[in-house]
Amino acid sequence: MEAMANEPAGTLLLERRIERAELVRLARLFGDMIKYVVDVERGVIAIGGELHADAEQLLLEAGSRQGDLWGANYYPGRGRDGCIEFTSLINIRPSQGNPGMEVQDPALRKRIRALTGALVGDGEGL
């Protein structure tokens, strides 16, 4: 199932790759950047919404654990190396070794990148 029911308008819960048309729709709604949150343990992504907290809440309601959720921004058309910004207010977690908004752990960034590539894209143009 690509998107699950009961999502806030503009927010999708992805368990498989997003349809190109949906990605185009989200890009039109929110500009050149699309906010998303990755559950690094369950391998799902909530994408869209005005705030990372919107996507975070959707994942929490779907059974995710707070400590497994990390926010990022996706930029279509910037290619693999430039499409992900690992920055979000929800990432500020000193207790998990992440004191700022940007995800610091290289292994965690690698997991986020892999899930983004699998479910969203690698920065291809729309």
PDB file of N, CA and C in Angstrom:
ATOM      1  N   MET A   1       0.846  -1.176   0.000  1.00  0.00           N
ATOM      2  CA  MET A   1       0.000   0.000   0.000  1.00  0.00           C
ATOM      3  C   MET A   1       0.891   1.238   0.000  1.00  0.00           C
ATOM      4  N   GLU A   2       0.631   2.148  -0.893  1.00  0.00           N
ATOM      5  CA  GLU A   2       1.464   3.346  -0.976  1.00  0.00           C
ATOM      6  C   GLU A   2       1.070   4.358   0.088  1.00  0.00           C
ATOM      7  N   ALA A   3      -0.185   4.728   0.132  1.00  0.00           N
ATOM      8  CA  ALA A   3      -0.652   5.724   1.083  1.00  0.00           C
ATOM      9  C   ALA A   3      -1.721   5.089   1.955  1.00  0.00           C
ATOM     10  N   MET A   4      -1.721   5.460   3.216  1.00  0.00           N
ATOM     11  CA  MET A   4      -2.687   4.887   4.138  1.00  0.00           C
ATOM     12  C   MET A   4      -3.783   5.905   4.433  1.00  0.00           C
ATOM     13  N   ALA A   5      -4.937   5.402   4.871  1.00  0.00           N
ATOM     14  CA  ALA A   5      -6.081   6.257   5.183  1.00  0.00           C
ATOM     15  C   ALA A   5      -5.804   7.099   6.424  1.00  0.00           C
ATOM     16  N   ASN A   6      -6.607   8.112   6.629  1.00  0.00           N
ATOM     17  CA  ASN A   6      -6.566   8.988   7.793  1.00  0.00           C
ATOM     18  C   ASN A   6      -5.331   9.887   7.846  1.00  0.00           C
ATOM     19  N   GLU A   7      -4.735  10.184   6.716  1.00  0.00           N
ATOM     20  CA  GLU A   7      -3.600  11.087   6.694  1.00  0.00           C
ATOM     21  C   GLU A   7      -4.106  12.522   6.694  1.00  0.00           C
ATOM     22  N   PRO A   8      -3.365  13.433   7.334  1.00  0.00           N
ATOM     23  CA  PRO A   8      -3.706  14.845   7.204  1.00  0.00           C
ATOM     24  C   PRO A   8      -3.575  15.244   5.731  1.00  0.00           C
ATOM     25  N   ALA A   9      -4.364  16.202   5.308  1.00  0.00           N
ATOM     26  CA  ALA A   9      -4.297  16.654   3.913  1.00  0.00           C
ATOM     27  C   ALA A   9      -2.871  17.022   3.553  1.00  0.00           C
ATOM     28  N   GLY A  10      -2.407  16.501   2.438  1.00  0.00           N
ATOM     29  CA  GLY A  10      -1.066  16.824   1.988  1.00  0.00           C
ATOM     30  C   GLY A  10       0.021  15.959   2.585  1.00  0.00           C
ATOM     31  N   THR A  11      -0.313  15.032   3.467  1.00  0.00           N
ATOM     32  CA  THR A  11       0.679  14.153   4.073  1.00  0.00           C
ATOM     33  C   THR A  11       0.358  12.711   3.706  1.00  0.00           C
ATOM     34  N   LEU A  12       1.373  11.979   3.245  1.00  0.00           N
ATOM     35  CA  LEU A  12       1.202  10.585   2.853  1.00  0.00           C
ATOM     36  C   LEU A  12       2.119   9.692   3.666  1.00  0.00           C
ATOM     37  N   LEU A  13       1.636   8.500   3.990  1.00  0.00           N
ATOM     38  CA  LEU A  13       2.450   7.495   4.644  1.00  0.00           C
ATOM     39  C   LEU A  13       2.870   6.489   3.586  1.00  0.00           C
ATOM     40  N   LEU A  14       4.165   6.382   3.368  1.00  0.00           N
ATOM     41  CA  LEU A  14       4.691   5.533   2.302  1.00  0.00           C
ATOM     42  C   LEU A  14       5.285   4.241   2.852  1.00  0.00           C
ATOM     43  N   GLU A  15       4.802   3.135   2.304  1.00  0.00           N
ATOM     44  CA  GLU A  15       5.382   1.829   2.594  1.00  0.00           C
ATOM     45  C   GLU A  15       6.039   1.253   1.341  1.00  0.00           C
ATOM     46  N   ARG A  16       5.774   1.874   0.211  1.00  0.00           N
ATOM     47  CA  ARG A  16       6.426   1.541  -1.059  1.00  0.00           C
ATOM     48  C   ARG A  16       6.644   2.858  -1.795  1.00  0.00           C
ATOM     49  N   ARG A  17       7.321   2.794  -2.927  1.00  0.00           N
ATOM     50  CA  ARG A  17       7.725   4.007  -3.639  1.00  0.00           C
ATOM     51  C   ARG A  17       6.515   4.883  -4.002  1.00  0.00           C
ATOM     52  N   ILE A  18       6.666   6.165  -3.771  1.00  0.00           N
ATOM     53  CA  ILE A  18       5.619   7.129  -4.087  1.00  0.00           C
ATOM     54  C   ILE A  18       5.432   7.200  -5.607  1.00  0.00           C
ATOM     55  N   GLU A  19       4.200   7.345  -6.025  1.00  0.00           N
ATOM     56  CA  GLU A  19       3.913   7.540  -7.445  1.00  0.00           C
ATOM     57  C   GLU A  19       4.441   8.915  -7.859  1.00  0.00           C
ATOM     58  N   ARG A  20       4.986   8.982  -9.046  1.00  0.00           N
ATOM     59  CA  ARG A  20       5.541  10.247  -9.555  1.00  0.00           C
ATOM     60  C   ARG A  20       4.508  11.374  -9.496  1.00  0.00           C
ATOM     61  N   ALA A  21       3.264  11.083  -9.854  1.00  0.00           N
ATOM     62  CA  ALA A  21       2.208  12.103  -9.845  1.00  0.00           C
ATOM     63  C   ALA A  21       1.990  12.669  -8.440  1.00  0.00           C
ATOM     64  N   GLU A  22       2.095  11.816  -7.422  1.00  0.00           N
ATOM     65  CA  GLU A  22       1.936  12.284  -6.041  1.00  0.00           C
ATOM     66  C   GLU A  22       3.104  13.173  -5.635  1.00  0.00           C
ATOM     67  N   LEU A  23       4.301  12.818  -6.052  1.00  0.00           N
ATOM     68  CA  LEU A  23       5.475  13.640  -5.743  1.00  0.00           C
ATOM     69  C   LEU A  23       5.365  15.004  -6.418  1.00  0.00           C
ATOM     70  N   VAL A  24       4.897  15.021  -7.648  1.00  0.00           N
ATOM     71  CA  VAL A  24       4.679  16.276  -8.369  1.00  0.00           C
ATOM     72  C   VAL A  24       3.639  17.121  -7.631  1.00  0.00           C
ATOM     73  N   ARG A  25       2.559  16.469  -7.177  1.00  0.00           N
ATOM     74  CA  ARG A  25       1.498  17.183  -6.440  1.00  0.00           C
ATOM     75  C   ARG A  25       2.051  17.811  -5.163  1.00  0.00           C
ATOM     76  N   LEU A  26       2.841  17.049  -4.410  1.00  0.00           N
ATOM     77  CA  LEU A  26       3.412  17.581  -3.170  1.00  0.00           C
ATOM     78  C   LEU A  26       4.369  18.733  -3.452  1.00  0.00           C
ATOM     79  N   ALA A  27       5.153  18.602  -4.503  1.00  0.00           N
ATOM     80  CA  ALA A  27       6.081  19.676  -4.864  1.00  0.00           C
ATOM     81  C   ALA A  27       5.314  20.946  -5.223  1.00  0.00           C
ATOM     82  N   ARG A  28       4.201  20.807  -5.887  1.00  0.00           N
ATOM     83  CA  ARG A  28       3.382  21.983  -6.238  1.00  0.00           C
ATOM     84  C   ARG A  28       2.764  22.613  -5.004  1.00  0.00           C
ATOM     85  N   LEU A  29       2.374  21.781  -4.036  1.00  0.00           N
ATOM     86  CA  LEU A  29       1.760  22.295  -2.812  1.00  0.00           C
ATOM     87  C   LEU A  29       2.752  23.058  -1.942  1.00  0.00           C
ATOM     88  N   PHE A  30       3.972  22.531  -1.851  1.00  0.00           N
ATOM     89  CA  PHE A  30       4.904  23.038  -0.859  1.00  0.00           C
ATOM     90  C   PHE A  30       6.151  23.686  -1.440  1.00  0.00           C
ATOM     91  N   GLY A  31       6.193  23.912  -2.731  1.00  0.00           N
ATOM     92  CA  GLY A  31       7.345  24.566  -3.330  1.00  0.00           C
ATOM     93  C   GLY A  31       8.401  23.575  -3.753  1.00  0.00           C
ATOM     94  N   ASP A  32       9.643  24.039  -3.837  1.00  0.00           N
ATOM     95  CA  ASP A  32      10.706  23.176  -4.354  1.00  0.00           C
ATOM     96  C   ASP A  32      11.238  22.193  -3.324  1.00  0.00           C
ATOM     97  N   MET A  33      10.782  22.273  -2.078  1.00  0.00           N
ATOM     98  CA  MET A  33      11.236  21.399  -1.007  1.00  0.00           C
ATOM     99  C   MET A  33      10.036  20.690  -0.386  1.00  0.00           C
ATOM    100  N   ILE A  34      10.191  19.394  -0.111  1.00  0.00           N
ATOM    101  CA  ILE A  34       9.125  18.610   0.502  1.00  0.00           C
ATOM    102  C   ILE A  34       9.651  18.051   1.813  1.00  0.00           C
ATOM    103  N   LYS A  35       8.946  18.332   2.898  1.00  0.00           N
ATOM    104  CA  LYS A  35       9.347  17.837   4.212  1.00  0.00           C
ATOM    105  C   LYS A  35       8.906  16.383   4.362  1.00  0.00           C
ATOM    106  N   TYR A  36       9.746  15.619   5.055  1.00  0.00           N
ATOM    107  CA  TYR A  36       9.373  14.231   5.320  1.00  0.00           C
ATOM    108  C   TYR A  36      10.053  13.729   6.580  1.00  0.00           C
ATOM    109  N   VAL A  37       9.512  12.631   7.123  1.00  0.00           N
ATOM    110  CA  VAL A  37      10.055  12.003   8.321  1.00  0.00           C
ATOM    111  C   VAL A  37      10.211  10.518   8.032  1.00  0.00           C
ATOM    112  N   VAL A  38      11.364   9.981   8.390  1.00  0.00           N
ATOM    113  CA  VAL A  38      11.701   8.584   8.164  1.00  0.00           C
ATOM    114  C   VAL A  38      11.643   7.819   9.481  1.00  0.00           C
ATOM    115  N   ASP A  39      10.988   6.659   9.469  1.00  0.00           N
ATOM    116  CA  ASP A  39      11.081   5.720  10.575  1.00  0.00           C
ATOM    117  C   ASP A  39      12.165   4.729  10.172  1.00  0.00           C
ATOM    118  N   VAL A  40      13.352   4.875  10.762  1.00  0.00           N
ATOM    119  CA  VAL A  40      14.504   4.086  10.331  1.00  0.00           C
ATOM    120  C   VAL A  40      14.400   2.624  10.744  1.00  0.00           C
ATOM    121  N   GLU A  41      13.542   2.298  11.676  1.00  0.00           N
ATOM    122  CA  GLU A  41      13.365   0.905  12.088  1.00  0.00           C
ATOM    123  C   GLU A  41      12.284   0.200  11.277  1.00  0.00           C
ATOM    124  N   ARG A  42      11.170   0.849  11.053  1.00  0.00           N
ATOM    125  CA  ARG A  42      10.061   0.236  10.308  1.00  0.00           C
ATOM    126  C   ARG A  42      10.230   0.361   8.802  1.00  0.00           C
ATOM    127  N   GLY A  43      11.097   1.266   8.357  1.00  0.00           N
ATOM    128  CA  GLY A  43      11.329   1.432   6.932  1.00  0.00           C
ATOM    129  C   GLY A  43      10.195   2.109   6.197  1.00  0.00           C
ATOM    130  N   VAL A  44       9.509   3.036   6.867  1.00  0.00           N
ATOM    131  CA  VAL A  44       8.424   3.796   6.251  1.00  0.00           C
ATOM    132  C   VAL A  44       8.728   5.282   6.334  1.00  0.00           C
ATOM    133  N   ILE A  45       8.043   6.044   5.496  1.00  0.00           N
ATOM    134  CA  ILE A  45       8.232   7.490   5.441  1.00  0.00           C
ATOM    135  C   ILE A  45       6.868   8.160   5.437  1.00  0.00           C
ATOM    136  N   ALA A  46       6.746   9.260   6.173  1.00  0.00           N
ATOM    137  CA  ALA A  46       5.604  10.157   6.054  1.00  0.00           C
ATOM    138  C   ALA A  46       6.128  11.400   5.347  1.00  0.00           C
ATOM    139  N   ILE A  47       5.459  11.787   4.274  1.00  0.00           N
ATOM    140  CA  ILE A  47       5.949  12.884   3.433  1.00  0.00           C
ATOM    141  C   ILE A  47       4.839  13.897   3.200  1.00  0.00           C
ATOM    142  N   GLY A  48       5.240  15.169   3.141  1.00  0.00           N
ATOM    143  CA  GLY A  48       4.289  16.250   2.915  1.00  0.00           C
ATOM    144  C   GLY A  48       3.940  16.939   4.228  1.00  0.00           C
ATOM    145  N   GLY A  49       3.009  17.836   4.156  1.00  0.00           N
ATOM    146  CA  GLY A  49       2.623  18.607   5.334  1.00  0.00           C
ATOM    147  C   GLY A  49       3.435  19.884   5.432  1.00  0.00           C
ATOM    148  N   GLU A  50       2.941  20.796   6.216  1.00  0.00           N
ATOM    149  CA  GLU A  50       3.633  22.074   6.378  1.00  0.00           C
ATOM    150  C   GLU A  50       4.787  21.989   7.351  1.00  0.00           C
ATOM    151  N   LEU A  51       4.678  21.092   8.330  1.00  0.00           N
ATOM    152  CA  LEU A  51       5.703  20.939   9.361  1.00  0.00           C
ATOM    153  C   LEU A  51       6.150  19.488   9.434  1.00  0.00           C
ATOM    154  N   HIS A  52       7.395  19.265   9.813  1.00  0.00           N
ATOM    155  CA  HIS A  52       7.845  17.897  10.050  1.00  0.00           C
ATOM    156  C   HIS A  52       6.986  17.249  11.127  1.00  0.00           C
ATOM    157  N   ALA A  53       6.508  18.042  12.067  1.00  0.00           N
ATOM    158  CA  ALA A  53       5.672  17.514  13.151  1.00  0.00           C
ATOM    159  C   ALA A  53       4.390  16.870  12.617  1.00  0.00           C
ATOM    160  N   ASP A  54       3.874  17.346  11.476  1.00  0.00           N
ATOM    161  CA  ASP A  54       2.683  16.731  10.879  1.00  0.00           C
ATOM    162  C   ASP A  54       2.985  15.291  10.469  1.00  0.00           C
ATOM    163  N   ALA A  55       4.096  15.103   9.780  1.00  0.00           N
ATOM    164  CA  ALA A  55       4.503  13.766   9.331  1.00  0.00           C
ATOM    165  C   ALA A  55       4.886  12.898  10.534  1.00  0.00           C
ATOM    166  N   GLU A  56       5.548  13.497  11.499  1.00  0.00           N
ATOM    167  CA  GLU A  56       5.929  12.773  12.712  1.00  0.00           C
ATOM    168  C   GLU A  56       4.690  12.230  13.424  1.00  0.00           C
ATOM    169  N   GLN A  57       3.679  13.057  13.560  1.00  0.00           N
ATOM    170  CA  GLN A  57       2.447  12.646  14.239  1.00  0.00           C
ATOM    171  C   GLN A  57       1.759  11.504  13.501  1.00  0.00           C
ATOM    172  N   LEU A  58       1.752  11.572  12.182  1.00  0.00           N
ATOM    173  CA  LEU A  58       1.151  10.503  11.379  1.00  0.00           C
ATOM    174  C   LEU A  58       1.863   9.172  11.650  1.00  0.00           C
ATOM    175  N   LEU A  59       3.178   9.198  11.710  1.00  0.00           N
ATOM    176  CA  LEU A  59       3.934   7.978  11.983  1.00  0.00           C
ATOM    177  C   LEU A  59       3.704   7.470  13.402  1.00  0.00           C
ATOM    178  N   LEU A  60       3.652   8.367  14.372  1.00  0.00           N
ATOM    179  CA  LEU A  60       3.392   7.954  15.750  1.00  0.00           C
ATOM    180  C   LEU A  60       2.021   7.277  15.856  1.00  0.00           C
ATOM    181  N   GLU A  61       1.036   7.839  15.181  1.00  0.00           N
ATOM    182  CA  GLU A  61      -0.306   7.247  15.187  1.00  0.00           C
ATOM    183  C   GLU A  61      -0.337   5.896  14.480  1.00  0.00           C
ATOM    184  N   ALA A  62       0.619   5.667  13.587  1.00  0.00           N
ATOM    185  CA  ALA A  62       0.702   4.403  12.848  1.00  0.00           C
ATOM    186  C   ALA A  62       1.589   3.375  13.569  1.00  0.00           C
ATOM    187  N   GLY A  63       2.047   3.701  14.772  1.00  0.00           N
ATOM    188  CA  GLY A  63       2.787   2.731  15.568  1.00  0.00           C
ATOM    189  C   GLY A  63       4.285   2.931  15.650  1.00  0.00           C
ATOM    190  N   SER A  64       4.803   4.002  15.101  1.00  0.00           N
ATOM    191  CA  SER A  64       6.240   4.262  15.182  1.00  0.00           C
ATOM    192  C   SER A  64       6.630   4.708  16.583  1.00  0.00           C
ATOM    193  N   ARG A  65       7.917   4.531  16.907  1.00  0.00           N
ATOM    194  CA  ARG A  65       8.460   4.997  18.173  1.00  0.00           C
ATOM    195  C   ARG A  65       9.218   6.304  17.926  1.00  0.00           C
ATOM    196  N   GLN A  66       9.067   7.240  18.822  1.00  0.00           N
ATOM    197  CA  GLN A  66       9.673   8.570  18.681  1.00  0.00           C
ATOM    198  C   GLN A  66      11.168   8.503  18.374  1.00  0.00           C
ATOM    199  N   GLY A  67      11.882   7.659  19.069  1.00  0.00           N
ATOM    200  CA  GLY A  67      13.326   7.585  18.904  1.00  0.00           C
ATOM    201  C   GLY A  67      13.789   7.089  17.540  1.00  0.00           C
ATOM    202  N   ASP A  68      12.868   6.526  16.763  1.00  0.00           N
ATOM    203  CA  ASP A  68      13.191   6.002  15.428  1.00  0.00           C
ATOM    204  C   ASP A  68      12.884   6.990  14.313  1.00  0.00           C
ATOM    205  N   LEU A  69      12.333   8.154  14.660  1.00  0.00           N
ATOM    206  CA  LEU A  69      11.865   9.118  13.660  1.00  0.00           C
ATOM    207  C   LEU A  69      12.856  10.254  13.473  1.00  0.00           C
ATOM    208  N   TRP A  70      13.189  10.517  12.201  1.00  0.00           N
ATOM    209  CA  TRP A  70      14.137  11.572  11.869  1.00  0.00           C
ATOM    210  C   TRP A  70      13.609  12.372  10.697  1.00  0.00           C
ATOM    211  N   GLY A  71      13.661  13.694  10.810  1.00  0.00           N
ATOM    212  CA  GLY A  71      13.139  14.580   9.779  1.00  0.00           C
ATOM    213  C   GLY A  71      14.194  15.006   8.784  1.00  0.00           C
ATOM    214  N   ALA A  72      13.735  15.244   7.562  1.00  0.00           N
ATOM    215  CA  ALA A  72      14.620  15.701   6.489  1.00  0.00           C
ATOM    216  C   ALA A  72      13.787  16.478   5.467  1.00  0.00           C
ATOM    217  N   ASN A  73      14.475  17.072   4.513  1.00  0.00           N
ATOM    218  CA  ASN A  73      13.835  17.801   3.420  1.00  0.00           C
ATOM    219  C   ASN A  73      14.317  17.217   2.101  1.00  0.00           C
ATOM    220  N   TYR A  74      13.383  17.046   1.173  1.00  0.00           N
ATOM    221  CA  TYR A  74      13.695  16.463  -0.132  1.00  0.00           C
ATOM    222  C   TYR A  74      13.563  17.529  -1.209  1.00  0.00           C
ATOM    223  N   TYR A  75      14.589  17.613  -2.054  1.00  0.00           N
ATOM    224  CA  TYR A  75      14.616  18.588  -3.146  1.00  0.00           C
ATOM    225  C   TYR A  75      14.669  17.852  -4.486  1.00  0.00           C
ATOM    226  N   PRO A  76      13.526  17.722  -5.167  1.00  0.00           N
ATOM    227  CA  PRO A  76      13.546  17.076  -6.484  1.00  0.00           C
ATOM    228  C   PRO A  76      14.411  17.875  -7.457  1.00  0.00           C
ATOM    229  N   GLY A  77      15.076  17.161  -8.351  1.00  0.00           N
ATOM    230  CA  GLY A  77      15.852  17.809  -9.392  1.00  0.00           C
ATOM    231  C   GLY A  77      17.271  18.188  -9.010  1.00  0.00           C
ATOM    232  N   ARG A  78      17.688  17.887  -7.800  1.00  0.00           N
ATOM    233  CA  ARG A  78      19.046  18.247  -7.366  1.00  0.00           C
ATOM    234  C   ARG A  78      20.032  17.086  -7.418  1.00  0.00           C
ATOM    235  N   GLY A  79      19.598  15.941  -7.895  1.00  0.00           N
ATOM    236  CA  GLY A  79      20.483  14.785  -7.966  1.00  0.00           C
ATOM    237  C   GLY A  79      20.698  14.135  -6.620  1.00  0.00           C
ATOM    238  N   ARG A  80      21.318  12.954  -6.642  1.00  0.00           N
ATOM    239  CA  ARG A  80      21.473  12.148  -5.431  1.00  0.00           C
ATOM    240  C   ARG A  80      22.217  12.885  -4.315  1.00  0.00           C
ATOM    241  N   ASP A  81      23.278  13.580  -4.642  1.00  0.00           N
ATOM    242  CA  ASP A  81      24.090  14.229  -3.612  1.00  0.00           C
ATOM    243  C   ASP A  81      23.475  15.505  -3.046  1.00  0.00           C
ATOM    244  N   GLY A  82      22.532  16.110  -3.757  1.00  0.00           N
ATOM    245  CA  GLY A  82      21.961  17.369  -3.292  1.00  0.00           C
ATOM    246  C   GLY A  82      20.490  17.335  -2.931  1.00  0.00           C
ATOM    247  N   CYS A  83      19.870  16.161  -2.989  1.00  0.00           N
ATOM    248  CA  CYS A  83      18.410  16.120  -2.820  1.00  0.00           C
ATOM    249  C   CYS A  83      17.950  16.031  -1.375  1.00  0.00           C
ATOM    250  N   ILE A  84      18.834  15.698  -0.446  1.00  0.00           N
ATOM    251  CA  ILE A  84      18.424  15.538   0.954  1.00  0.00           C
ATOM    252  C   ILE A  84      19.134  16.547   1.836  1.00  0.00           C
ATOM    253  N   GLU A  85      18.334  17.224   2.640  1.00  0.00           N
ATOM    254  CA  GLU A  85      18.848  18.095   3.702  1.00  0.00           C
ATOM    255  C   GLU A  85      18.413  17.437   5.005  1.00  0.00           C
ATOM    256  N   PHE A  86      19.346  17.016   5.817  1.00  0.00           N
ATOM    257  CA  PHE A  86      19.073  16.243   7.025  1.00  0.00           C
ATOM    258  C   PHE A  86      18.758  17.150   8.210  1.00  0.00           C
ATOM    259  N   THR A  87      17.865  18.100   8.015  1.00  0.00           N
ATOM    260  CA  THR A  87      17.606  19.133   9.014  1.00  0.00           C
ATOM    261  C   THR A  87      16.125  19.213   9.369  1.00  0.00           C
ATOM    262  N   SER A  88      15.847  19.223  10.672  1.00  0.00           N
ATOM    263  CA  SER A  88      14.483  19.378  11.168  1.00  0.00           C
ATOM    264  C   SER A  88      14.529  19.665  12.668  1.00  0.00           C
ATOM    265  N   LEU A  89      13.550  20.403  13.140  1.00  0.00           N
ATOM    266  CA  LEU A  89      13.441  20.653  14.585  1.00  0.00           C
ATOM    267  C   LEU A  89      13.258  19.355  15.356  1.00  0.00           C
ATOM    268  N   ILE A  90      12.578  18.373  14.765  1.00  0.00           N
ATOM    269  CA  ILE A  90      12.336  17.119  15.497  1.00  0.00           C
ATOM    270  C   ILE A  90      13.615  16.323  15.717  1.00  0.00           C
ATOM    271  N   ASN A  91      14.702  16.706  15.054  1.00  0.00           N
ATOM    272  CA  ASN A  91      15.974  15.995  15.198  1.00  0.00           C
ATOM    273  C   ASN A  91      16.779  16.440  16.413  1.00  0.00           C
ATOM    274  N   ILE A  92      16.347  17.481  17.093  1.00  0.00           N
ATOM    275  CA  ILE A  92      17.085  17.965  18.262  1.00  0.00           C
ATOM    276  C   ILE A  92      16.851  16.971  19.398  1.00  0.00           C
ATOM    277  N   ARG A  93      17.863  16.126  19.636  1.00  0.00           N
ATOM    278  CA  ARG A  93      17.749  15.064  20.641  1.00  0.00           C
ATOM    279  C   ARG A  93      19.092  14.829  21.322  1.00  0.00           C
ATOM    280  N   PRO A  94      19.447  15.689  22.245  1.00  0.00           N
ATOM    281  CA  PRO A  94      20.718  15.498  22.951  1.00  0.00           C
ATOM    282  C   PRO A  94      20.829  14.117  23.610  1.00  0.00           C
ATOM    283  N   SER A  95      19.704  13.576  24.090  1.00  0.00           N
ATOM    284  CA  SER A  95      19.739  12.272  24.755  1.00  0.00           C
ATOM    285  C   SER A  95      20.097  11.137  23.796  1.00  0.00           C
ATOM    286  N   GLN A  96      19.953  11.379  22.487  1.00  0.00           N
ATOM    287  CA  GLN A  96      20.314  10.391  21.477  1.00  0.00           C
ATOM    288  C   GLN A  96      21.588  10.794  20.738  1.00  0.00           C
ATOM    289  N   GLY A  97      22.318  11.751  21.311  1.00  0.00           N
ATOM    290  CA  GLY A  97      23.580  12.165  20.721  1.00  0.00           C
ATOM    291  C   GLY A  97      23.439  13.099  19.532  1.00  0.00           C
ATOM    292  N   ASN A  98      22.269  13.719  19.384  1.00  0.00           N
ATOM    293  CA  ASN A  98      22.051  14.648  18.265  1.00  0.00           C
ATOM    294  C   ASN A  98      21.587  15.992  18.847  1.00  0.00           C
ATOM    295  N   PRO A  99      22.525  16.886  19.185  1.00  0.00           N
ATOM    296  CA  PRO A  99      22.179  18.117  19.889  1.00  0.00           C
ATOM    297  C   PRO A  99      21.545  19.209  19.029  1.00  0.00           C
ATOM    298  N   GLY A 100      21.634  19.094  17.702  1.00  0.00           N
ATOM    299  CA  GLY A 100      21.117  20.142  16.830  1.00  0.00           C
ATOM    300  C   GLY A 100      20.062  19.637  15.865  1.00  0.00           C
ATOM    301  N   MET A 101      19.674  20.519  14.951  1.00  0.00           N
ATOM    302  CA  MET A 101      18.627  20.198  13.979  1.00  0.00           C
ATOM    303  C   MET A 101      19.096  19.247  12.886  1.00  0.00           C
ATOM    304  N   GLU A 102      20.398  19.203  12.628  1.00  0.00           N
ATOM    305  CA  GLU A 102      20.927  18.358  11.560  1.00  0.00           C
ATOM    306  C   GLU A 102      21.341  16.991  12.114  1.00  0.00           C
ATOM    307  N   VAL A 103      20.938  15.926  11.411  1.00  0.00           N
ATOM    308  CA  VAL A 103      21.343  14.573  11.803  1.00  0.00           C
ATOM    309  C   VAL A 103      22.859  14.479  11.679  1.00  0.00           C
ATOM    310  N   GLN A 104      23.532  14.116  12.779  1.00  0.00           N
ATOM    311  CA  GLN A 104      24.987  14.085  12.827  1.00  0.00           C
ATOM    312  C   GLN A 104      25.580  12.720  12.484  1.00  0.00           C
ATOM    313  N   ASP A 105      24.953  11.648  12.901  1.00  0.00           N
ATOM    314  CA  ASP A 105      25.496  10.292  12.781  1.00  0.00           C
ATOM    315  C   ASP A 105      25.548   9.844  11.317  1.00  0.00           C
ATOM    316  N   PRO A 106      26.752   9.583  10.778  1.00  0.00           N
ATOM    317  CA  PRO A 106      26.879   9.169   9.378  1.00  0.00           C
ATOM    318  C   PRO A 106      26.112   7.880   9.050  1.00  0.00           C
ATOM    319  N   ALA A 107      26.080   6.930   9.985  1.00  0.00           N
ATOM    320  CA  ALA A 107      25.352   5.679   9.743  1.00  0.00           C
ATOM    321  C   ALA A 107      23.847   5.930   9.654  1.00  0.00           C
ATOM    322  N   LEU A 108      23.352   6.816  10.496  1.00  0.00           N
ATOM    323  CA  LEU A 108      21.929   7.174  10.465  1.00  0.00           C
ATOM    324  C   LEU A 108      21.598   7.916   9.171  1.00  0.00           C
ATOM    325  N   ARG A 109      22.463   8.807   8.757  1.00  0.00           N
ATOM    326  CA  ARG A 109      22.261   9.524   7.495  1.00  0.00           C
ATOM    327  C   ARG A 109      22.220   8.544   6.321  1.00  0.00           C
ATOM    328  N   LYS A 110      23.074   7.529   6.372  1.00  0.00           N
ATOM    329  CA  LYS A 110      23.100   6.514   5.315  1.00  0.00           C
ATOM    330  C   LYS A 110      21.765   5.762   5.257  1.00  0.00           C
ATOM    331  N   ARG A 111      21.205   5.422   6.417  1.00  0.00           N
ATOM    332  CA  ARG A 111      19.906   4.736   6.469  1.00  0.00           C
ATOM    333  C   ARG A 111      18.794   5.633   5.928  1.00  0.00           C
ATOM    334  N   ILE A 112      18.824   6.909   6.298  1.00  0.00           N
ATOM    335  CA  ILE A 112      17.821   7.860   5.804  1.00  0.00           C
ATOM    336  C   ILE A 112      17.936   7.982   4.283  1.00  0.00           C
ATOM    337  N   ARG A 113      19.154   8.089   3.788  1.00  0.00           N
ATOM    338  CA  ARG A 113      19.372   8.204   2.336  1.00  0.00           C
ATOM    339  C   ARG A 113      18.864   6.957   1.607  1.00  0.00           C
ATOM    340  N   ALA A 114      19.131   5.777   2.150  1.00  0.00           N
ATOM    341  CA  ALA A 114      18.696   4.538   1.508  1.00  0.00           C
ATOM    342  C   ALA A 114      17.172   4.451   1.450  1.00  0.00           C
ATOM    343  N   LEU A 115      16.505   4.788   2.545  1.00  0.00           N
ATOM    344  CA  LEU A 115      15.036   4.749   2.554  1.00  0.00           C
ATOM    345  C   LEU A 115      14.448   5.820   1.646  1.00  0.00           C
ATOM    346  N   THR A 116      15.074   6.991   1.618  1.00  0.00           N
ATOM    347  CA  THR A 116      14.613   8.052   0.730  1.00  0.00           C
ATOM    348  C   THR A 116      14.721   7.597  -0.721  1.00  0.00           C
ATOM    349  N   GLY A 117      15.841   7.011  -1.080  1.00  0.00           N
ATOM    350  CA  GLY A 117      16.036   6.526  -2.447  1.00  0.00           C
ATOM    351  C   GLY A 117      15.023   5.466  -2.827  1.00  0.00           C
ATOM    352  N   ALA A 118      14.709   4.585  -1.895  1.00  0.00           N
ATOM    353  CA  ALA A 118      13.775   3.496  -2.161  1.00  0.00           C
ATOM    354  C   ALA A 118      12.321   3.956  -2.252  1.00  0.00           C
ATOM    355  N   LEU A 119      11.925   4.913  -1.397  1.00  0.00           N
ATOM    356  CA  LEU A 119      10.509   5.279  -1.298  1.00  0.00           C
ATOM    357  C   LEU A 119      10.147   6.618  -1.932  1.00  0.00           C
ATOM    358  N   VAL A 120      11.133   7.506  -2.088  1.00  0.00           N
ATOM    359  CA  VAL A 120      10.847   8.839  -2.628  1.00  0.00           C
ATOM    360  C   VAL A 120      11.586   9.064  -3.948  1.00  0.00           C
ATOM    361  N   GLY A 121      12.904   8.936  -3.918  1.00  0.00           N
ATOM    362  CA  GLY A 121      13.703   9.148  -5.109  1.00  0.00           C
ATOM    363  C   GLY A 121      15.113   9.549  -4.771  1.00  0.00           C
ATOM    364  N   ASP A 122      15.929   9.679  -5.789  1.00  0.00           N
ATOM    365  CA  ASP A 122      17.317  10.076  -5.650  1.00  0.00           C
ATOM    366  C   ASP A 122      17.574  11.454  -6.246  1.00  0.00           C
ATOM    367  N   GLY A 123      16.601  12.330  -6.137  1.00  0.00           N
ATOM    368  CA  GLY A 123      16.786  13.689  -6.606  1.00  0.00           C
ATOM    369  C   GLY A 123      16.525  13.888  -8.086  1.00  0.00           C
ATOM    370  N   GLU A 124      15.821  12.930  -8.690  1.00  0.00           N
ATOM    371  CA  GLU A 124      15.477  13.088 -10.102  1.00  0.00           C
ATOM    372  C   GLU A 124      14.573  14.311 -10.295  1.00  0.00           C
ATOM    373  N   GLY A 125      14.615  14.869 -11.482  1.00  0.00           N
ATOM    374  CA  GLY A 125      13.741  15.991 -11.796  1.00  0.00           C
ATOM    375  C   GLY A 125      12.298  15.540 -11.940  1.00  0.00           C
ATOM    376  N   LEU A 126      11.399  16.460 -11.765  1.00  0.00           N
ATOM    377  CA  LEU A 126       9.979  16.154 -11.908  1.00  0.00           C
ATOM    378  C   LEU A 126       9.553  16.509 -13.314  1.00  0.00           C
TER     379      LEU A 126
END
